[in-house]
PDB file of N, CA and C in Angstrom:
ATOM      1  N   UNK A   1    -231.675 -56.985 146.793  1.00  0.00           N
ATOM      2  CA  UNK A   1    -230.437 -57.067 147.378  1.00  0.00           C
ATOM      3  C   UNK A   1    -229.527 -57.927 147.304  1.00  0.00           C
ATOM      4  N   UNK A   2    -228.117 -57.918 146.973  1.00  0.00           N
ATOM      5  CA  UNK A   2    -227.309 -58.957 147.115  1.00  0.00           C
ATOM      6  C   UNK A   2    -226.590 -59.189 148.470  1.00  0.00           C
ATOM      7  N   UNK A   3    -226.537 -60.469 148.604  1.00  0.00           N
ATOM      8  CA  UNK A   3    -226.402 -60.938 149.864  1.00  0.00           C
ATOM      9  C   UNK A   3    -224.491 -60.868 149.833  1.00  0.00           C
ATOM     10  N   UNK A   4    -224.224 -60.595 151.357  1.00  0.00           N
ATOM     11  CA  UNK A   4    -222.781 -60.509 151.620  1.00  0.00           C
ATOM     12  C   UNK A   4    -222.027 -61.900 151.318  1.00  0.00           C
ATOM     13  N   UNK A   5    -220.868 -61.824 150.925  1.00  0.00           N
ATOM     14  CA  UNK A   5    -220.071 -62.676 151.216  1.00  0.00           C
ATOM     15  C   UNK A   5    -219.894 -63.636 152.600  1.00  0.00           C
ATOM     16  N   UNK A   6    -219.692 -64.970 152.800  1.00  0.00           N
ATOM     17  CA  UNK A   6    -219.664 -65.076 154.210  1.00  0.00           C
ATOM     18  C   UNK A   6    -218.155 -64.563 155.144  1.00  0.00           C
ATOM     19  N   UNK A   7    -217.141 -64.483 154.283  1.00  0.00           N
ATOM     20  CA  UNK A   7    -216.524 -64.029 154.778  1.00  0.00           C
ATOM     21  C   UNK A   7    -216.519 -62.455 155.524  1.00  0.00           C
ATOM     22  N   UNK A   8    -217.261 -61.750 154.650  1.00  0.00           N
ATOM     23  CA  UNK A   8    -217.492 -60.312 154.790  1.00  0.00           C
ATOM     24  C   UNK A   8    -218.353 -60.191 156.482  1.00  0.00           C
ATOM     25  N   UNK A   9    -219.705 -61.040 156.228  1.00  0.00           N
ATOM     26  CA  UNK A   9    -220.311 -61.194 157.316  1.00  0.00           C
ATOM     27  C   UNK A   9    -219.243 -61.797 158.426  1.00  0.00           C
ATOM     28  N   UNK A  10    -218.471 -62.513 158.447  1.00  0.00           N
ATOM     29  CA  UNK A  10    -217.790 -62.961 159.614  1.00  0.00           C
ATOM     30  C   UNK A  10    -216.477 -62.015 160.069  1.00  0.00           C
ATOM     31  N   UNK A  11    -216.315 -61.081 159.265  1.00  0.00           N
ATOM     32  CA  UNK A  11    -215.230 -60.088 159.425  1.00  0.00           C
ATOM     33  C   UNK A  11    -215.944 -58.938 160.233  1.00  0.00           C
ATOM     34  N   UNK A  12    -217.210 -58.604 159.710  1.00  0.00           N
ATOM     35  CA  UNK A  12    -217.704 -57.627 160.571  1.00  0.00           C
ATOM     36  C   UNK A  12    -218.193 -57.909 161.687  1.00  0.00           C
ATOM     37  N   UNK A  13    -218.993 -59.013 161.976  1.00  0.00           N
ATOM     38  CA  UNK A  13    -219.182 -60.008 163.085  1.00  0.00           C
ATOM     39  C   UNK A  13    -217.970 -59.658 163.997  1.00  0.00           C
ATOM     40  N   UNK A  14    -217.250 -60.327 163.570  1.00  0.00           N
ATOM     41  CA  UNK A  14    -215.855 -60.357 164.679  1.00  0.00           C
ATOM     42  C   UNK A  14    -215.626 -59.379 165.423  1.00  0.00           C
ATOM     43  N   UNK A  15    -215.414 -57.801 163.997  1.00  0.00           N
ATOM     44  CA  UNK A  15    -215.177 -56.571 164.496  1.00  0.00           C
ATOM     45  C   UNK A  15    -216.006 -55.945 165.576  1.00  0.00           C
ATOM     46  N   UNK A  16    -217.226 -56.195 165.458  1.00  0.00           N
ATOM     47  CA  UNK A  16    -218.495 -55.934 166.582  1.00  0.00           C
ATOM     48  C   UNK A  16    -218.276 -56.728 167.450  1.00  0.00           C
ATOM     49  N   UNK A  17    -217.999 -57.648 167.634  1.00  0.00           N
ATOM     50  CA  UNK A  17    -217.739 -58.564 168.638  1.00  0.00           C
ATOM     51  C   UNK A  17    -216.607 -57.850 169.688  1.00  0.00           C
ATOM     52  N   UNK A  18    -215.324 -57.457 169.021  1.00  0.00           N
ATOM     53  CA  UNK A  18    -214.534 -57.530 170.149  1.00  0.00           C
ATOM     54  C   UNK A  18    -214.817 -55.709 170.303  1.00  0.00           C
ATOM     55  N   UNK A  19    -215.405 -54.948 169.393  1.00  0.00           N
ATOM     56  CA  UNK A  19    -215.425 -53.995 169.451  1.00  0.00           C
ATOM     57  C   UNK A  19    -216.661 -53.333 170.997  1.00  0.00           C
ATOM     58  N   UNK A  20    -217.698 -54.249 170.775  1.00  0.00           N
ATOM     59  CA  UNK A  20    -218.662 -54.569 171.987  1.00  0.00           C
ATOM     60  C   UNK A  20    -218.196 -54.732 173.483  1.00  0.00           C
ATOM     61  N   UNK A  21    -216.742 -55.298 173.280  1.00  0.00           N
ATOM     62  CA  UNK A  21    -216.393 -56.308 174.463  1.00  0.00           C
ATOM     63  C   UNK A  21    -217.604 -57.650 174.730  1.00  0.00           C
ATOM     64  N   UNK A  22    -218.010 -58.334 173.556  1.00  0.00           N
ATOM     65  CA  UNK A  22    -218.904 -59.374 173.922  1.00  0.00           C
ATOM     66  C   UNK A  22    -218.170 -60.765 174.664  1.00  0.00           C
ATOM     67  N   UNK A  23    -218.704 -61.247 175.413  1.00  0.00           N
ATOM     68  CA  UNK A  23    -218.079 -62.285 176.251  1.00  0.00           C
ATOM     69  C   UNK A  23    -217.124 -63.244 175.105  1.00  0.00           C
ATOM     70  N   UNK A  24    -218.230 -63.820 173.929  1.00  0.00           N
ATOM     71  CA  UNK A  24    -217.531 -64.666 173.317  1.00  0.00           C
ATOM     72  C   UNK A  24    -216.419 -63.987 172.619  1.00  0.00           C
ATOM     73  N   UNK A  25    -215.992 -62.834 172.556  1.00  0.00           N
ATOM     74  CA  UNK A  25    -215.117 -62.209 171.647  1.00  0.00           C
ATOM     75  C   UNK A  25    -215.240 -62.337 170.263  1.00  0.00           C
ATOM     76  N   UNK A  26    -215.835 -62.966 169.709  1.00  0.00           N
ATOM     77  CA  UNK A  26    -216.007 -63.413 168.049  1.00  0.00           C
ATOM     78  C   UNK A  26    -214.857 -64.278 167.979  1.00  0.00           C
ATOM     79  N   UNK A  27    -214.563 -65.524 168.735  1.00  0.00           N
ATOM     80  CA  UNK A  27    -213.665 -66.435 168.256  1.00  0.00           C
ATOM     81  C   UNK A  27    -214.377 -67.250 167.066  1.00  0.00           C
ATOM     82  N   UNK A  28    -215.673 -67.598 167.305  1.00  0.00           N
ATOM     83  CA  UNK A  28    -216.190 -68.688 166.633  1.00  0.00           C
ATOM     84  C   UNK A  28    -216.021 -68.247 165.046  1.00  0.00           C
ATOM     85  N   UNK A  29    -216.162 -66.764 165.134  1.00  0.00           N
ATOM     86  CA  UNK A  29    -215.664 -65.876 163.351  1.00  0.00           C
ATOM     87  C   UNK A  29    -214.142 -66.173 163.172  1.00  0.00           C
ATOM     88  N   UNK A  30    -213.262 -66.521 164.150  1.00  0.00           N
ATOM     89  CA  UNK A  30    -212.187 -66.334 163.477  1.00  0.00           C
ATOM     90  C   UNK A  30    -212.120 -67.859 162.519  1.00  0.00           C
ATOM     91  N   UNK A  31    -212.696 -68.957 163.572  1.00  0.00           N
ATOM     92  CA  UNK A  31    -212.619 -70.152 162.731  1.00  0.00           C
ATOM     93  C   UNK A  31    -212.996 -70.074 161.441  1.00  0.00           C
ATOM     94  N   UNK A  32    -214.098 -69.907 161.240  1.00  0.00           N
ATOM     95  CA  UNK A  32    -214.724 -69.308 160.168  1.00  0.00           C
ATOM     96  C   UNK A  32    -214.094 -68.810 158.779  1.00  0.00           C
ATOM     97  N   UNK A  33    -213.366 -67.608 159.280  1.00  0.00           N
ATOM     98  CA  UNK A  33    -212.246 -66.741 158.669  1.00  0.00           C
ATOM     99  C   UNK A  33    -211.342 -67.461 158.009  1.00  0.00           C
ATOM    100  N   UNK A  34    -210.719 -68.395 158.880  1.00  0.00           N
ATOM    101  CA  UNK A  34    -209.993 -69.550 158.511  1.00  0.00           C
ATOM    102  C   UNK A  34    -210.708 -70.387 157.543  1.00  0.00           C
ATOM    103  N   UNK A  35    -211.676 -70.901 157.710  1.00  0.00           N
ATOM    104  CA  UNK A  35    -212.232 -71.748 156.628  1.00  0.00           C
ATOM    105  C   UNK A  35    -212.440 -71.307 154.857  1.00  0.00           C
ATOM    106  N   UNK A  36    -212.735 -69.886 155.192  1.00  0.00           N
ATOM    107  CA  UNK A  36    -212.801 -68.921 154.120  1.00  0.00           C
ATOM    108  C   UNK A  36    -211.546 -68.812 153.483  1.00  0.00           C
ATOM    109  N   UNK A  37    -210.502 -68.730 154.032  1.00  0.00           N
ATOM    110  CA  UNK A  37    -209.472 -68.951 153.659  1.00  0.00           C
ATOM    111  C   UNK A  37    -208.493 -67.654 153.620  1.00  0.00           C
ATOM    112  N   UNK A  38    -209.626 -66.691 154.807  1.00  0.00           N
ATOM    113  CA  UNK A  38    -208.924 -65.118 154.938  1.00  0.00           C
ATOM    114  C   UNK A  38    -207.954 -65.115 155.389  1.00  0.00           C
ATOM    115  N   UNK A  39    -206.566 -64.305 154.898  1.00  0.00           N
ATOM    116  CA  UNK A  39    -205.155 -63.788 155.417  1.00  0.00           C
ATOM    117  C   UNK A  39    -205.105 -63.649 157.136  1.00  0.00           C
ATOM    118  N   UNK A  40    -204.385 -64.252 157.880  1.00  0.00           N
ATOM    119  CA  UNK A  40    -204.154 -63.789 159.058  1.00  0.00           C
ATOM    120  C   UNK A  40    -203.901 -62.292 159.281  1.00  0.00           C
ATOM    121  N   UNK A  41    -203.280 -61.734 158.286  1.00  0.00           N
ATOM    122  CA  UNK A  41    -202.986 -60.692 158.439  1.00  0.00           C
ATOM    123  C   UNK A  41    -204.093 -59.627 158.285  1.00  0.00           C
ATOM    124  N   UNK A  42    -205.040 -59.977 157.363  1.00  0.00           N
ATOM    125  CA  UNK A  42    -206.281 -59.341 157.342  1.00  0.00           C
ATOM    126  C   UNK A  42    -207.234 -59.354 158.725  1.00  0.00           C
ATOM    127  N   UNK A  43    -206.999 -60.710 159.140  1.00  0.00           N
ATOM    128  CA  UNK A  43    -207.883 -60.566 160.423  1.00  0.00           C
ATOM    129  C   UNK A  43    -207.131 -60.004 161.674  1.00  0.00           C
ATOM    130  N   UNK A  44    -205.803 -59.975 161.771  1.00  0.00           N
ATOM    131  CA  UNK A  44    -204.812 -58.950 162.496  1.00  0.00           C
ATOM    132  C   UNK A  44    -205.605 -57.425 162.254  1.00  0.00           C
ATOM    133  N   UNK A  45    -205.794 -57.081 161.288  1.00  0.00           N
ATOM    134  CA  UNK A  45    -206.439 -55.573 160.834  1.00  0.00           C
ATOM    135  C   UNK A  45    -207.457 -55.570 161.393  1.00  0.00           C
ATOM    136  N   UNK A  46    -208.358 -56.277 161.129  1.00  0.00           N
ATOM    137  CA  UNK A  46    -209.364 -56.252 161.584  1.00  0.00           C
ATOM    138  C   UNK A  46    -209.732 -56.239 163.248  1.00  0.00           C
ATOM    139  N   UNK A  47    -208.840 -57.190 163.773  1.00  0.00           N
ATOM    140  CA  UNK A  47    -208.864 -57.130 165.141  1.00  0.00           C
ATOM    141  C   UNK A  47    -208.238 -55.598 165.812  1.00  0.00           C
ATOM    142  N   UNK A  48    -207.293 -55.094 165.286  1.00  0.00           N
ATOM    143  CA  UNK A  48    -206.335 -54.146 165.661  1.00  0.00           C
ATOM    144  C   UNK A  48    -207.343 -52.923 166.111  1.00  0.00           C
ATOM    145  N   UNK A  49    -208.250 -52.621 164.413  1.00  0.00           N
ATOM    146  CA  UNK A  49    -209.234 -51.449 164.248  1.00  0.00           C
ATOM    147  C   UNK A  49    -210.495 -51.559 165.285  1.00  0.00           C
ATOM    148  N   UNK A  50    -211.021 -52.917 165.348  1.00  0.00           N
ATOM    149  CA  UNK A  50    -212.103 -53.032 166.288  1.00  0.00           C
ATOM    150  C   UNK A  50    -211.925 -52.605 168.111  1.00  0.00           C
ATOM    151  N   UNK A  51    -210.121 -52.761 168.264  1.00  0.00           N
ATOM    152  CA  UNK A  51    -209.723 -52.632 169.328  1.00  0.00           C
ATOM    153  C   UNK A  51    -209.580 -51.340 169.670  1.00  0.00           C
ATOM    154  N   UNK A  52    -209.310 -50.393 168.688  1.00  0.00           N
ATOM    155  CA  UNK A  52    -209.086 -49.192 168.836  1.00  0.00           C
ATOM    156  C   UNK A  52    -210.379 -48.193 168.608  1.00  0.00           C
ATOM    157  N   UNK A  53    -211.310 -48.862 167.971  1.00  0.00           N
ATOM    158  CA  UNK A  53    -212.686 -48.017 168.342  1.00  0.00           C
ATOM    159  C   UNK A  53    -213.091 -48.414 169.739  1.00  0.00           C
ATOM    160  N   UNK A  54    -213.156 -49.337 170.070  1.00  0.00           N
ATOM    161  CA  UNK A  54    -213.442 -50.109 171.388  1.00  0.00           C
ATOM    162  C   UNK A  54    -212.672 -49.007 172.504  1.00  0.00           C
ATOM    163  N   UNK A  55    -211.546 -48.989 172.503  1.00  0.00           N
ATOM    164  CA  UNK A  55    -210.947 -48.126 173.569  1.00  0.00           C
ATOM    165  C   UNK A  55    -211.175 -46.823 173.006  1.00  0.00           C
ATOM    166  N   UNK A  56    -210.873 -46.097 171.747  1.00  0.00           N
ATOM    167  CA  UNK A  56    -211.405 -44.725 171.822  1.00  0.00           C
ATOM    168  C   UNK A  56    -212.545 -44.400 172.371  1.00  0.00           C
ATOM    169  N   UNK A  57    -213.743 -45.104 172.291  1.00  0.00           N
ATOM    170  CA  UNK A  57    -214.727 -45.026 172.975  1.00  0.00           C
ATOM    171  C   UNK A  57    -214.644 -45.320 174.278  1.00  0.00           C
ATOM    172  N   UNK A  58    -214.191 -46.233 174.967  1.00  0.00           N
ATOM    173  CA  UNK A  58    -213.919 -46.095 176.627  1.00  0.00           C
ATOM    174  C   UNK A  58    -213.263 -44.578 177.268  1.00  0.00           C
ATOM    175  N   UNK A  59    -212.130 -44.388 176.366  1.00  0.00           N
ATOM    176  CA  UNK A  59    -211.768 -42.774 176.576  1.00  0.00           C
ATOM    177  C   UNK A  59    -212.618 -41.537 176.760  1.00  0.00           C
ATOM    178  N   UNK A  60    -213.202 -41.808 175.543  1.00  0.00           N
ATOM    179  CA  UNK A  60    -214.241 -40.789 175.697  1.00  0.00           C
ATOM    180  C   UNK A  60    -215.343 -40.914 176.224  1.00  0.00           C
ATOM    181  N   UNK A  61    -215.784 -42.077 177.214  1.00  0.00           N
ATOM    182  CA  UNK A  61    -216.904 -42.208 178.073  1.00  0.00           C
ATOM    183  C   UNK A  61    -216.337 -41.795 179.292  1.00  0.00           C
ATOM    184  N   UNK A  62    -215.241 -41.930 179.823  1.00  0.00           N
ATOM    185  CA  UNK A  62    -214.207 -41.739 180.801  1.00  0.00           C
ATOM    186  C   UNK A  62    -214.043 -40.256 180.745  1.00  0.00           C
ATOM    187  N   UNK A  63    -213.729 -39.656 179.650  1.00  0.00           N
ATOM    188  CA  UNK A  63    -213.665 -38.169 179.903  1.00  0.00           C
ATOM    189  C   UNK A  63    -214.835 -37.697 179.962  1.00  0.00           C
ATOM    190  N   UNK A  64    -215.807 -37.949 179.562  1.00  0.00           N
ATOM    191  CA  UNK A  64    -217.035 -37.501 179.648  1.00  0.00           C
ATOM    192  C   UNK A  64    -217.541 -37.404 181.300  1.00  0.00           C
ATOM    193  N   UNK A  65    -217.351 -38.706 182.150  1.00  0.00           N
ATOM    194  CA  UNK A  65    -217.857 -38.772 183.367  1.00  0.00           C
ATOM    195  C   UNK A  65    -216.990 -37.931 184.261  1.00  0.00           C
ATOM    196  N   UNK A  66    -215.603 -38.214 183.764  1.00  0.00           N
ATOM    197  CA  UNK A  66    -214.928 -37.313 184.883  1.00  0.00           C
ATOM    198  C   UNK A  66    -215.132 -35.644 184.763  1.00  0.00           C
ATOM    199  N   UNK A  67    -215.597 -35.054 183.687  1.00  0.00           N
ATOM    200  CA  UNK A  67    -216.250 -33.721 183.414  1.00  0.00           C
ATOM    201  C   UNK A  67    -217.226 -33.573 184.564  1.00  0.00           C
ATOM    202  N   UNK A  68    -218.402 -34.858 184.304  1.00  0.00           N
ATOM    203  CA  UNK A  68    -219.545 -34.545 184.917  1.00  0.00           C
ATOM    204  C   UNK A  68    -219.108 -34.931 186.799  1.00  0.00           C
ATOM    205  N   UNK A  69    -218.158 -35.832 187.127  1.00  0.00           N
ATOM    206  CA  UNK A  69    -218.075 -35.750 187.898  1.00  0.00           C
ATOM    207  C   UNK A  69    -217.159 -34.755 188.926  1.00  0.00           C
ATOM    208  N   UNK A  70    -216.451 -33.934 188.369  1.00  0.00           N
ATOM    209  CA  UNK A  70    -215.617 -32.702 188.385  1.00  0.00           C
ATOM    210  C   UNK A  70    -216.697 -31.402 188.707  1.00  0.00           C
ATOM    211  N   UNK A  71    -217.556 -31.508 187.556  1.00  0.00           N
ATOM    212  CA  UNK A  71    -218.503 -30.124 188.018  1.00  0.00           C
ATOM    213  C   UNK A  71    -219.687 -30.379 188.996  1.00  0.00           C
ATOM    214  N   UNK A  72    -220.096 -31.888 189.623  1.00  0.00           N
ATOM    215  CA  UNK A  72    -220.603 -31.941 190.568  1.00  0.00           C
ATOM    216  C   UNK A  72    -220.196 -31.702 192.042  1.00  0.00           C
ATOM    217  N   UNK A  73    -218.637 -31.355 191.695  1.00  0.00           N
ATOM    218  CA  UNK A  73    -218.088 -30.827 192.998  1.00  0.00           C
ATOM    219  C   UNK A  73    -217.464 -29.282 192.994  1.00  0.00           C
ATOM    220  N   UNK A  74    -217.647 -28.663 191.672  1.00  0.00           N
ATOM    221  CA  UNK A  74    -217.218 -27.196 191.181  1.00  0.00           C
ATOM    222  C   UNK A  74    -218.166 -26.640 192.070  1.00  0.00           C
ATOM    223  N   UNK A  75    -217.839 -25.361 192.948  1.00  0.00           N
ATOM    224  CA  UNK A  75    -218.198 -24.284 193.544  1.00  0.00           C
ATOM    225  C   UNK A  75    -219.017 -23.709 192.284  1.00  0.00           C
ATOM    226  N   UNK A  76    -220.132 -23.056 192.977  1.00  0.00           N
ATOM    227  CA  UNK A  76    -221.091 -22.477 191.750  1.00  0.00           C
ATOM    228  C   UNK A  76    -220.592 -21.028 191.356  1.00  0.00           C
ATOM    229  N   UNK A  77    -221.114 -21.183 190.114  1.00  0.00           N
ATOM    230  CA  UNK A  77    -220.512 -19.722 189.723  1.00  0.00           C
ATOM    231  C   UNK A  77    -221.542 -18.473 189.153  1.00  0.00           C
ATOM    232  N   UNK A  78    -221.208 -17.796 189.587  1.00  0.00           N
ATOM    233  CA  UNK A  78    -222.218 -16.409 189.377  1.00  0.00           C
ATOM    234  C   UNK A  78    -222.643 -16.429 187.666  1.00  0.00           C
ATOM    235  N   UNK A  79    -223.964 -16.208 187.650  1.00  0.00           N
ATOM    236  CA  UNK A  79    -224.754 -16.204 186.439  1.00  0.00           C
ATOM    237  C   UNK A  79    -224.014 -14.883 185.367  1.00  0.00           C
ATOM    238  N   UNK A  80    -223.616 -15.100 184.376  1.00  0.00           N
ATOM    239  CA  UNK A  80    -223.043 -13.883 183.731  1.00  0.00           C
ATOM    240  C   UNK A  80    -224.089 -13.982 182.419  1.00  0.00           C
ATOM    241  N   UNK A  81    -224.781 -12.376 182.130  1.00  0.00           N
ATOM    242  CA  UNK A  81    -225.689 -12.505 181.029  1.00  0.00           C
ATOM    243  C   UNK A  81    -224.842 -13.085 180.132  1.00  0.00           C
ATOM    244  N   UNK A  82    -225.485 -13.668 179.320  1.00  0.00           N
ATOM    245  CA  UNK A  82    -224.951 -14.336 177.476  1.00  0.00           C
ATOM    246  C   UNK A  82    -224.539 -13.391 177.095  1.00  0.00           C
ATOM    247  N   UNK A  83    -223.574 -13.220 175.629  1.00  0.00           N
ATOM    248  CA  UNK A  83    -223.351 -11.909 175.259  1.00  0.00           C
ATOM    249  C   UNK A  83    -223.756 -12.462 173.641  1.00  0.00           C
ATOM    250  N   UNK A  84    -224.519 -11.847 173.441  1.00  0.00           N
ATOM    251  CA  UNK A  84    -225.520 -11.934 172.070  1.00  0.00           C
ATOM    252  C   UNK A  84    -223.934 -12.149 170.841  1.00  0.00           C
ATOM    253  N   UNK A  85    -222.964 -11.064 170.985  1.00  0.00           N
ATOM    254  CA  UNK A  85    -222.296 -11.286 170.187  1.00  0.00           C
ATOM    255  C   UNK A  85    -220.688 -12.276 169.727  1.00  0.00           C
ATOM    256  N   UNK A  86    -220.766 -12.936 170.729  1.00  0.00           N
ATOM    257  CA  UNK A  86    -219.650 -14.055 171.040  1.00  0.00           C
ATOM    258  C   UNK A  86    -220.193 -14.879 170.029  1.00  0.00           C
ATOM    259  N   UNK A  87    -219.082 -15.363 169.311  1.00  0.00           N
ATOM    260  CA  UNK A  87    -219.316 -16.299 168.263  1.00  0.00           C
ATOM    261  C   UNK A  87    -217.902 -17.501 168.566  1.00  0.00           C
ATOM    262  N   UNK A  88    -217.951 -18.423 169.299  1.00  0.00           N
ATOM    263  CA  UNK A  88    -216.726 -18.980 169.415  1.00  0.00           C
ATOM    264  C   UNK A  88    -216.670 -20.343 168.569  1.00  0.00           C
ATOM    265  N   UNK A  89    -215.504 -20.154 167.309  1.00  0.00           N
ATOM    266  CA  UNK A  89    -215.847 -21.507 166.495  1.00  0.00           C
ATOM    267  C   UNK A  89    -215.108 -22.812 167.500  1.00  0.00           C
ATOM    268  N   UNK A  90    -215.865 -23.638 167.233  1.00  0.00           N
ATOM    269  CA  UNK A  90    -215.382 -24.776 167.943  1.00  0.00           C
ATOM    270  C   UNK A  90    -214.804 -25.955 167.257  1.00  0.00           C
ATOM    271  N   UNK A  91    -213.872 -26.274 166.968  1.00  0.00           N
ATOM    272  CA  UNK A  91    -213.472 -27.559 166.254  1.00  0.00           C
ATOM    273  C   UNK A  91    -213.608 -28.500 166.552  1.00  0.00           C
ATOM    274  N   UNK A  92    -214.102 -29.564 165.314  1.00  0.00           N
ATOM    275  CA  UNK A  92    -214.574 -30.853 165.911  1.00  0.00           C
ATOM    276  C   UNK A  92    -213.612 -31.895 165.379  1.00  0.00           C
ATOM    277  N   UNK A  93    -213.299 -32.848 166.465  1.00  0.00           N
ATOM    278  CA  UNK A  93    -212.118 -33.647 166.051  1.00  0.00           C
ATOM    279  C   UNK A  93    -212.447 -34.688 164.806  1.00  0.00           C
ATOM    280  N   UNK A  94    -211.554 -35.269 164.337  1.00  0.00           N
ATOM    281  CA  UNK A  94    -212.092 -35.780 162.963  1.00  0.00           C
ATOM    282  C   UNK A  94    -213.044 -37.074 163.719  1.00  0.00           C
ATOM    283  N   UNK A  95    -213.597 -37.681 162.587  1.00  0.00           N
ATOM    284  CA  UNK A  95    -214.461 -38.815 163.206  1.00  0.00           C
ATOM    285  C   UNK A  95    -214.015 -40.004 163.634  1.00  0.00           C
ATOM    286  N   UNK A  96    -212.327 -40.462 163.378  1.00  0.00           N
ATOM    287  CA  UNK A  96    -211.881 -40.961 164.024  1.00  0.00           C
ATOM    288  C   UNK A  96    -210.474 -41.162 164.122  1.00  0.00           C
ATOM    289  N   UNK A  97    -209.720 -41.780 164.764  1.00  0.00           N
ATOM    290  CA  UNK A  97    -208.207 -41.527 164.968  1.00  0.00           C
ATOM    291  C   UNK A  97    -207.430 -42.866 164.084  1.00  0.00           C
ATOM    292  N   UNK A  98    -206.225 -42.919 163.548  1.00  0.00           N
ATOM    293  CA  UNK A  98    -206.166 -44.171 162.808  1.00  0.00           C
ATOM    294  C   UNK A  98    -205.500 -44.984 164.028  1.00  0.00           C
ATOM    295  N   UNK A  99    -205.347 -46.251 163.982  1.00  0.00           N
ATOM    296  CA  UNK A  99    -204.933 -47.330 164.566  1.00  0.00           C
ATOM    297  C   UNK A  99    -203.473 -46.898 165.104  1.00  0.00           C
ATOM    298  N   UNK A 100    -202.804 -47.419 166.089  1.00  0.00           N
ATOM    299  CA  UNK A 100    -201.303 -47.257 166.589  1.00  0.00           C
ATOM    300  C   UNK A 100    -200.301 -47.441 165.311  1.00  0.00           C
ATOM    301  N   UNK A 101    -200.503 -48.758 164.395  1.00  0.00           N
ATOM    302  CA  UNK A 101    -199.959 -48.915 163.340  1.00  0.00           C
ATOM    303  C   UNK A 101    -200.176 -47.990 162.001  1.00  0.00           C
ATOM    304  N   UNK A 102    -201.240 -47.135 162.009  1.00  0.00           N
ATOM    305  CA  UNK A 102    -201.666 -46.237 161.115  1.00  0.00           C
ATOM    306  C   UNK A 102    -202.838 -46.519 160.468  1.00  0.00           C
ATOM    307  N   UNK A 103    -203.340 -47.767 160.810  1.00  0.00           N
ATOM    308  CA  UNK A 103    -204.502 -48.613 159.911  1.00  0.00           C
ATOM    309  C   UNK A 103    -205.426 -47.267 160.081  1.00  0.00           C
ATOM    310  N   UNK A 104    -206.090 -46.491 158.920  1.00  0.00           N
ATOM    311  CA  UNK A 104    -207.326 -46.339 159.241  1.00  0.00           C
ATOM    312  C   UNK A 104    -208.615 -46.865 159.658  1.00  0.00           C
ATOM    313  N   UNK A 105    -209.549 -46.313 160.528  1.00  0.00           N
ATOM    314  CA  UNK A 105    -211.012 -47.189 160.716  1.00  0.00           C
ATOM    315  C   UNK A 105    -212.275 -46.185 160.552  1.00  0.00           C
ATOM    316  N   UNK A 106    -212.219 -45.496 159.720  1.00  0.00           N
ATOM    317  CA  UNK A 106    -213.029 -45.274 158.540  1.00  0.00           C
ATOM    318  C   UNK A 106    -212.687 -44.620 157.238  1.00  0.00           C
TER     319      UNK A 106
END
C-alpha cells in the first residue's frame, strides 16, 4: 500500500480535529500544512467543510433529542392495528449538503 503524502495526512487530521471538536483544534496541522506549502485557500476549504459536517451532525443530534424529549411528554396514543397494505415512501435526505459557500463535502 502506498503511503500518503504528509500534506494529505495533515489535511485529513485537520478536518478530523475540527469535526470532532478536539481541544487542540488541529492547529499543529495548520503549521505542517504551511511548511508543505499548501495554499491558504485550500486549508480554508478544509476548515469550512469540517465545520459544516460538525454543525450538521450537531443539528441532527439535537433534532433527535428534541423528538425523544417531546415523545416522553406526549399523551399515550391508542394502539391502531397496522395496515398491511400501507406503503409509504420515505425520501432519504442526501448524504451531505453543501457548505454555505457551496463547497461539496462528499
